Structures are given as C-alpha cells and as structure tokens.
Amino acid sequence: MSQRPYVIDQMISAKSIAARIEELSEVLLETFCDTDKLIVVGLLRGSFVFIADLVRELDLPIEVDFLEASSYGDGMESSREVRILKDLRGAIEGRDVLVVEDIVDTGHTLHHVTQLLLSRNPARLKSIALLDKPSRREVDFKADYVGFSIPDEFVVGYGIDFAQRNRNLPYIGKVRFT
C-alpha cells in the first residue's frame, strides 16, 4: 500500500518541549515528594521519547514499566476500540503510579487504561500527556498534567508516528498532505 506524499510543518520545537518537561517535572516532584517509589507507566509506543526525557528530570526513586494499548493501527483516526497489547510486568497495588501518554485525542485510550489501572488499587494514580487535543474529546477524561494543548491537527515527531514513520523527529510537527 503506497502512502500519499506529505510534508511536516514544525509546530513545537525541541527547545520548547525540553523547557515544558522541566516545568512539568517540578510539579511532579512536588506531587510525589513523599513517595517511596514512583512507578512510571509509559504507554507504548508513542510515549517512549517523552518518558525518557521526563524520568531523567525526576529526582525520585523510580521504576519504569510499559503498557501497550492500541486504538489506531496505521490509520489517522481512532477505532475507539482500545486493546491492551502488552500489560505491565509488575504489580501496582498500594503504589504511586504516573501514566505517561504521548497525546490525548478522543480520550478513549487513556480513559480505558486509567480505569484498568485503578482496578488494581494503586495508592495514587496520576496521568500526564505531552499533547492534548481537547476539541477531539469523546469521553469525559482529562489528563492530570498536560504539556501542550494543540488544535485538531495530525501530528508526528518526538515519538509520535504516522504509520510507524517520523518518531525520530526531535520536534512535534503537523502532517500536511501534498
């Protein structure tokens, strides 16, 4: 299957992302200052760059785990059916947990994942998303912390892909078909 040609227009620079992560980490340090260990759960695959940069800014005892959920496949639209493709390796009962997501669009994925994790009885569960598209929300869900609120654009870069491409861009860019 061939893909339509497109270009990528930069929306959020690497420098802006780094500065925002530093600000968010200060808030997270306050929130979790009393934790004996923070379990940081990255939602694969889009969050891997964000989670790496974020945990390096957190001077806390941290354990990193990953969960893979899918509602997109290779398309540009959510299927709204969330499937768990890879579950956590460890238990979170009685633990402080931070769920890290790349982008909240319809809200189905992060809502589903947080409900699943809440059923496992963590001491505290917070969520953070690098990007938020509030105009696209279909479920009543808001991440506890958000890096950037963006308009309804299809974006790539900084771990976020389009059909498994463009994850390696150091910035967030808008896909524009030519």
Protein backbone atom coordinates (compact mmCIF):
# COMPACT_ATOMS: atom_id res chain seq x y z
CA MET A 1 0.00 0.00 0.00
CA SER A 2 1.53 3.30 -1.02
CA GLN A 3 1.22 6.32 1.18
CA ARG A 4 0.16 9.77 -0.02
CA PRO A 5 3.08 12.21 -0.09
CA TYR A 6 3.19 14.67 2.77
CA VAL A 7 5.37 17.31 4.39
CA ILE A 8 5.77 18.10 8.05
CA ASP A 9 5.46 21.64 9.37
CA GLN A 10 7.07 22.20 12.77
CA MET A 11 4.54 23.09 15.49
CA ILE A 12 6.50 22.73 18.74
CA SER A 13 10.29 22.98 18.79
CA ALA A 14 12.60 20.59 20.62
CA LYS A 15 13.68 23.52 22.83
CA SER A 16 10.06 24.28 23.79
CA ILE A 17 9.43 20.62 24.59
CA ALA A 18 12.52 20.45 26.82
CA ALA A 19 11.51 23.61 28.70
CA ARG A 20 7.97 22.33 29.25
CA ILE A 21 9.22 18.97 30.53
CA GLU A 22 11.39 20.81 33.04
CA GLU A 23 8.31 22.76 34.25
CA LEU A 24 6.18 19.61 34.46
CA SER A 25 8.88 17.75 36.37
CA GLU A 26 8.89 20.44 39.06
CA VAL A 27 5.14 19.94 39.57
CA LEU A 28 5.56 16.16 39.62
CA LEU A 29 8.37 16.42 42.17
CA GLU A 30 6.01 18.36 44.44
CA THR A 31 3.17 15.89 43.92
CA PHE A 32 5.24 12.79 44.56
CA CYS A 33 7.83 14.19 47.02
CA ASP A 34 6.72 11.73 49.70
CA THR A 35 6.76 8.59 47.56
CA ASP A 36 8.95 5.63 48.44
CA LYS A 37 8.91 4.68 44.73
CA LEU A 38 7.07 6.11 41.76
CA ILE A 39 6.04 3.63 39.10
CA VAL A 40 6.13 5.46 35.79
CA VAL A 41 4.00 3.64 33.23
CA GLY A 42 4.69 4.58 29.65
CA LEU A 43 2.05 3.88 27.04
CA LEU A 44 3.83 2.38 24.08
CA ARG A 45 4.83 3.23 21.58
CA GLY A 46 4.35 6.96 21.23
CA SER A 47 5.41 7.95 24.76
CA PHE A 48 8.90 6.40 24.78
CA VAL A 49 10.81 9.62 23.97
CA PHE A 50 8.68 11.70 26.37
CA ILE A 51 9.05 9.18 29.19
CA ALA A 52 12.83 9.00 28.75
CA ASP A 53 13.22 12.77 28.96
CA LEU A 54 10.70 13.09 31.80
CA VAL A 55 12.20 10.48 34.13
CA ARG A 56 15.67 12.00 33.73
CA GLU A 57 14.23 15.19 35.24
CA LEU A 58 12.67 13.45 38.25
CA ASP A 59 14.95 13.13 41.26
CA LEU A 60 12.81 10.43 42.84
CA PRO A 61 13.06 6.66 43.32
CA ILE A 62 11.52 5.47 40.05
CA GLU A 63 10.54 2.20 38.48
CA VAL A 64 9.63 2.28 34.79
CA ASP A 65 7.14 -0.11 33.25
CA PHE A 66 5.28 -0.12 29.96
CA LEU A 67 1.81 -0.92 28.78
CA GLU A 68 0.86 -1.07 25.12
CA ALA A 69 -2.66 -0.13 24.13
CA SER A 70 -3.90 0.42 20.62
CA SER A 71 -6.85 2.16 19.06
CA TYR A 72 -5.21 3.47 15.87
CA GLY A 73 -3.31 0.82 13.93
CA ASP A 74 -1.69 2.56 10.94
CA GLY A 75 -4.53 4.99 10.34
CA MET A 76 -5.12 8.61 11.20
CA GLU A 77 -8.41 8.01 13.03
CA SER A 78 -9.05 6.18 16.29
CA SER A 79 -11.07 2.99 16.02
CA ARG A 80 -12.41 3.80 19.53
CA GLU A 81 -11.85 0.16 20.45
CA VAL A 82 -8.97 0.01 22.91
CA ARG A 83 -6.98 -3.20 23.02
CA ILE A 84 -4.22 -3.99 25.53
CA LEU A 85 -1.35 -5.47 23.53
CA LYS A 86 1.22 -5.59 26.37
CA ASP A 87 0.42 -5.43 30.06
CA LEU A 88 2.58 -4.29 32.97
CA ARG A 89 5.24 -6.65 34.25
CA GLY A 90 4.85 -5.68 37.89
CA ALA A 91 2.08 -5.13 40.41
CA ILE A 92 0.95 -1.60 41.26
CA GLU A 93 -1.31 -2.26 44.26
CA GLY A 94 -0.59 0.26 47.03
CA ARG A 95 1.98 2.06 44.85
CA ASP A 96 2.21 5.58 43.42
CA VAL A 97 1.70 5.45 39.65
CA LEU A 98 2.18 8.02 36.89
CA VAL A 99 0.78 7.09 33.48
CA VAL A 100 2.65 8.78 30.63
CA GLU A 101 0.86 9.26 27.30
CA ASP A 102 2.05 10.96 24.12
CA ILE A 103 -1.27 12.51 23.06
CA VAL A 104 -4.84 12.59 24.30
CA ASP A 105 -7.16 12.76 21.32
CA THR A 106 -10.62 11.19 21.74
CA GLY A 107 -9.65 10.20 25.29
CA HIS A 108 -10.69 6.56 24.85
CA THR A 109 -7.21 5.06 25.31
CA LEU A 110 -6.15 6.98 28.41
CA HIS A 111 -9.61 6.61 29.97
CA HIS A 112 -9.55 2.84 29.38
CA VAL A 113 -6.00 2.47 30.70
CA THR A 114 -6.61 4.54 33.83
CA GLN A 115 -9.78 2.56 34.63
CA LEU A 116 -7.81 -0.67 34.20
CA LEU A 117 -5.00 0.55 36.46
CA LEU A 118 -7.40 1.95 39.09
CA SER A 119 -8.94 -1.53 39.33
CA ARG A 120 -5.51 -2.72 40.54
CA ASN A 121 -5.72 -0.43 43.60
CA PRO A 122 -2.71 1.89 43.36
CA ALA A 123 -2.14 4.29 46.26
CA ARG A 124 -2.21 7.23 43.83
CA LEU A 125 -2.72 7.30 40.08
CA LYS A 126 -1.95 10.39 38.03
CA SER A 127 -1.70 10.84 34.28
CA ILE A 128 0.43 13.10 32.14
CA ALA A 129 0.22 13.71 28.40
CA LEU A 130 2.68 15.60 26.27
CA LEU A 131 -0.10 16.75 23.93
CA ASP A 132 -3.83 17.27 24.35
CA LYS A 133 -6.45 17.84 21.65
CA PRO A 134 -9.47 18.90 23.72
CA SER A 135 -11.59 19.62 20.63
CA ARG A 136 -11.48 15.90 19.75
CA ARG A 137 -12.58 14.55 23.15
CA GLU A 138 -15.32 11.93 23.02
CA VAL A 139 -15.16 10.73 26.62
CA ASP A 140 -15.11 12.78 29.79
CA PHE A 141 -11.43 12.44 30.56
CA LYS A 142 -8.67 14.94 31.18
CA ALA A 143 -5.04 14.12 31.95
CA ASP A 144 -3.86 15.45 35.31
CA TYR A 145 -0.90 17.17 33.64
CA VAL A 146 -0.54 18.34 30.04
CA GLY A 147 2.49 19.58 28.18
CA PHE A 148 0.78 21.36 25.30
CA SER A 149 -2.80 21.80 24.19
CA ILE A 150 -2.96 21.67 20.39
CA PRO A 151 -5.60 22.16 17.71
CA ASP A 152 -7.11 19.27 15.77
CA GLU A 153 -4.10 18.50 13.59
CA PHE A 154 -2.47 15.17 12.79
CA VAL A 155 0.98 15.39 14.37
CA VAL A 156 4.20 13.39 14.35
CA GLY A 157 7.63 13.54 15.94
CA TYR A 158 9.10 13.17 19.40
CA GLY A 159 8.00 9.53 19.49
CA ILE A 160 4.65 10.03 17.74
CA ASP A 161 4.32 8.29 14.39
CA PHE A 162 2.31 8.16 11.21
CA ALA A 163 2.26 4.51 10.04
CA GLN A 164 5.47 3.86 12.01
CA ARG A 165 7.33 6.83 10.46
CA ASN A 166 8.65 10.12 11.86
CA ARG A 167 9.02 9.02 15.52
CA ASN A 168 12.65 10.16 15.41
CA LEU A 169 11.94 13.85 14.77
CA PRO A 170 13.15 15.96 17.73
CA TYR A 171 10.11 18.27 17.48
CA ILE A 172 6.33 18.00 17.07
CA GLY A 173 5.21 18.61 13.50
CA LYS A 174 1.90 18.82 11.69
CA VAL A 175 1.38 16.43 8.76
CA ARG A 176 0.29 18.24 5.61
CA PHE A 177 -0.55 16.16 2.55
CA THR A 178 0.77 17.41 -0.78
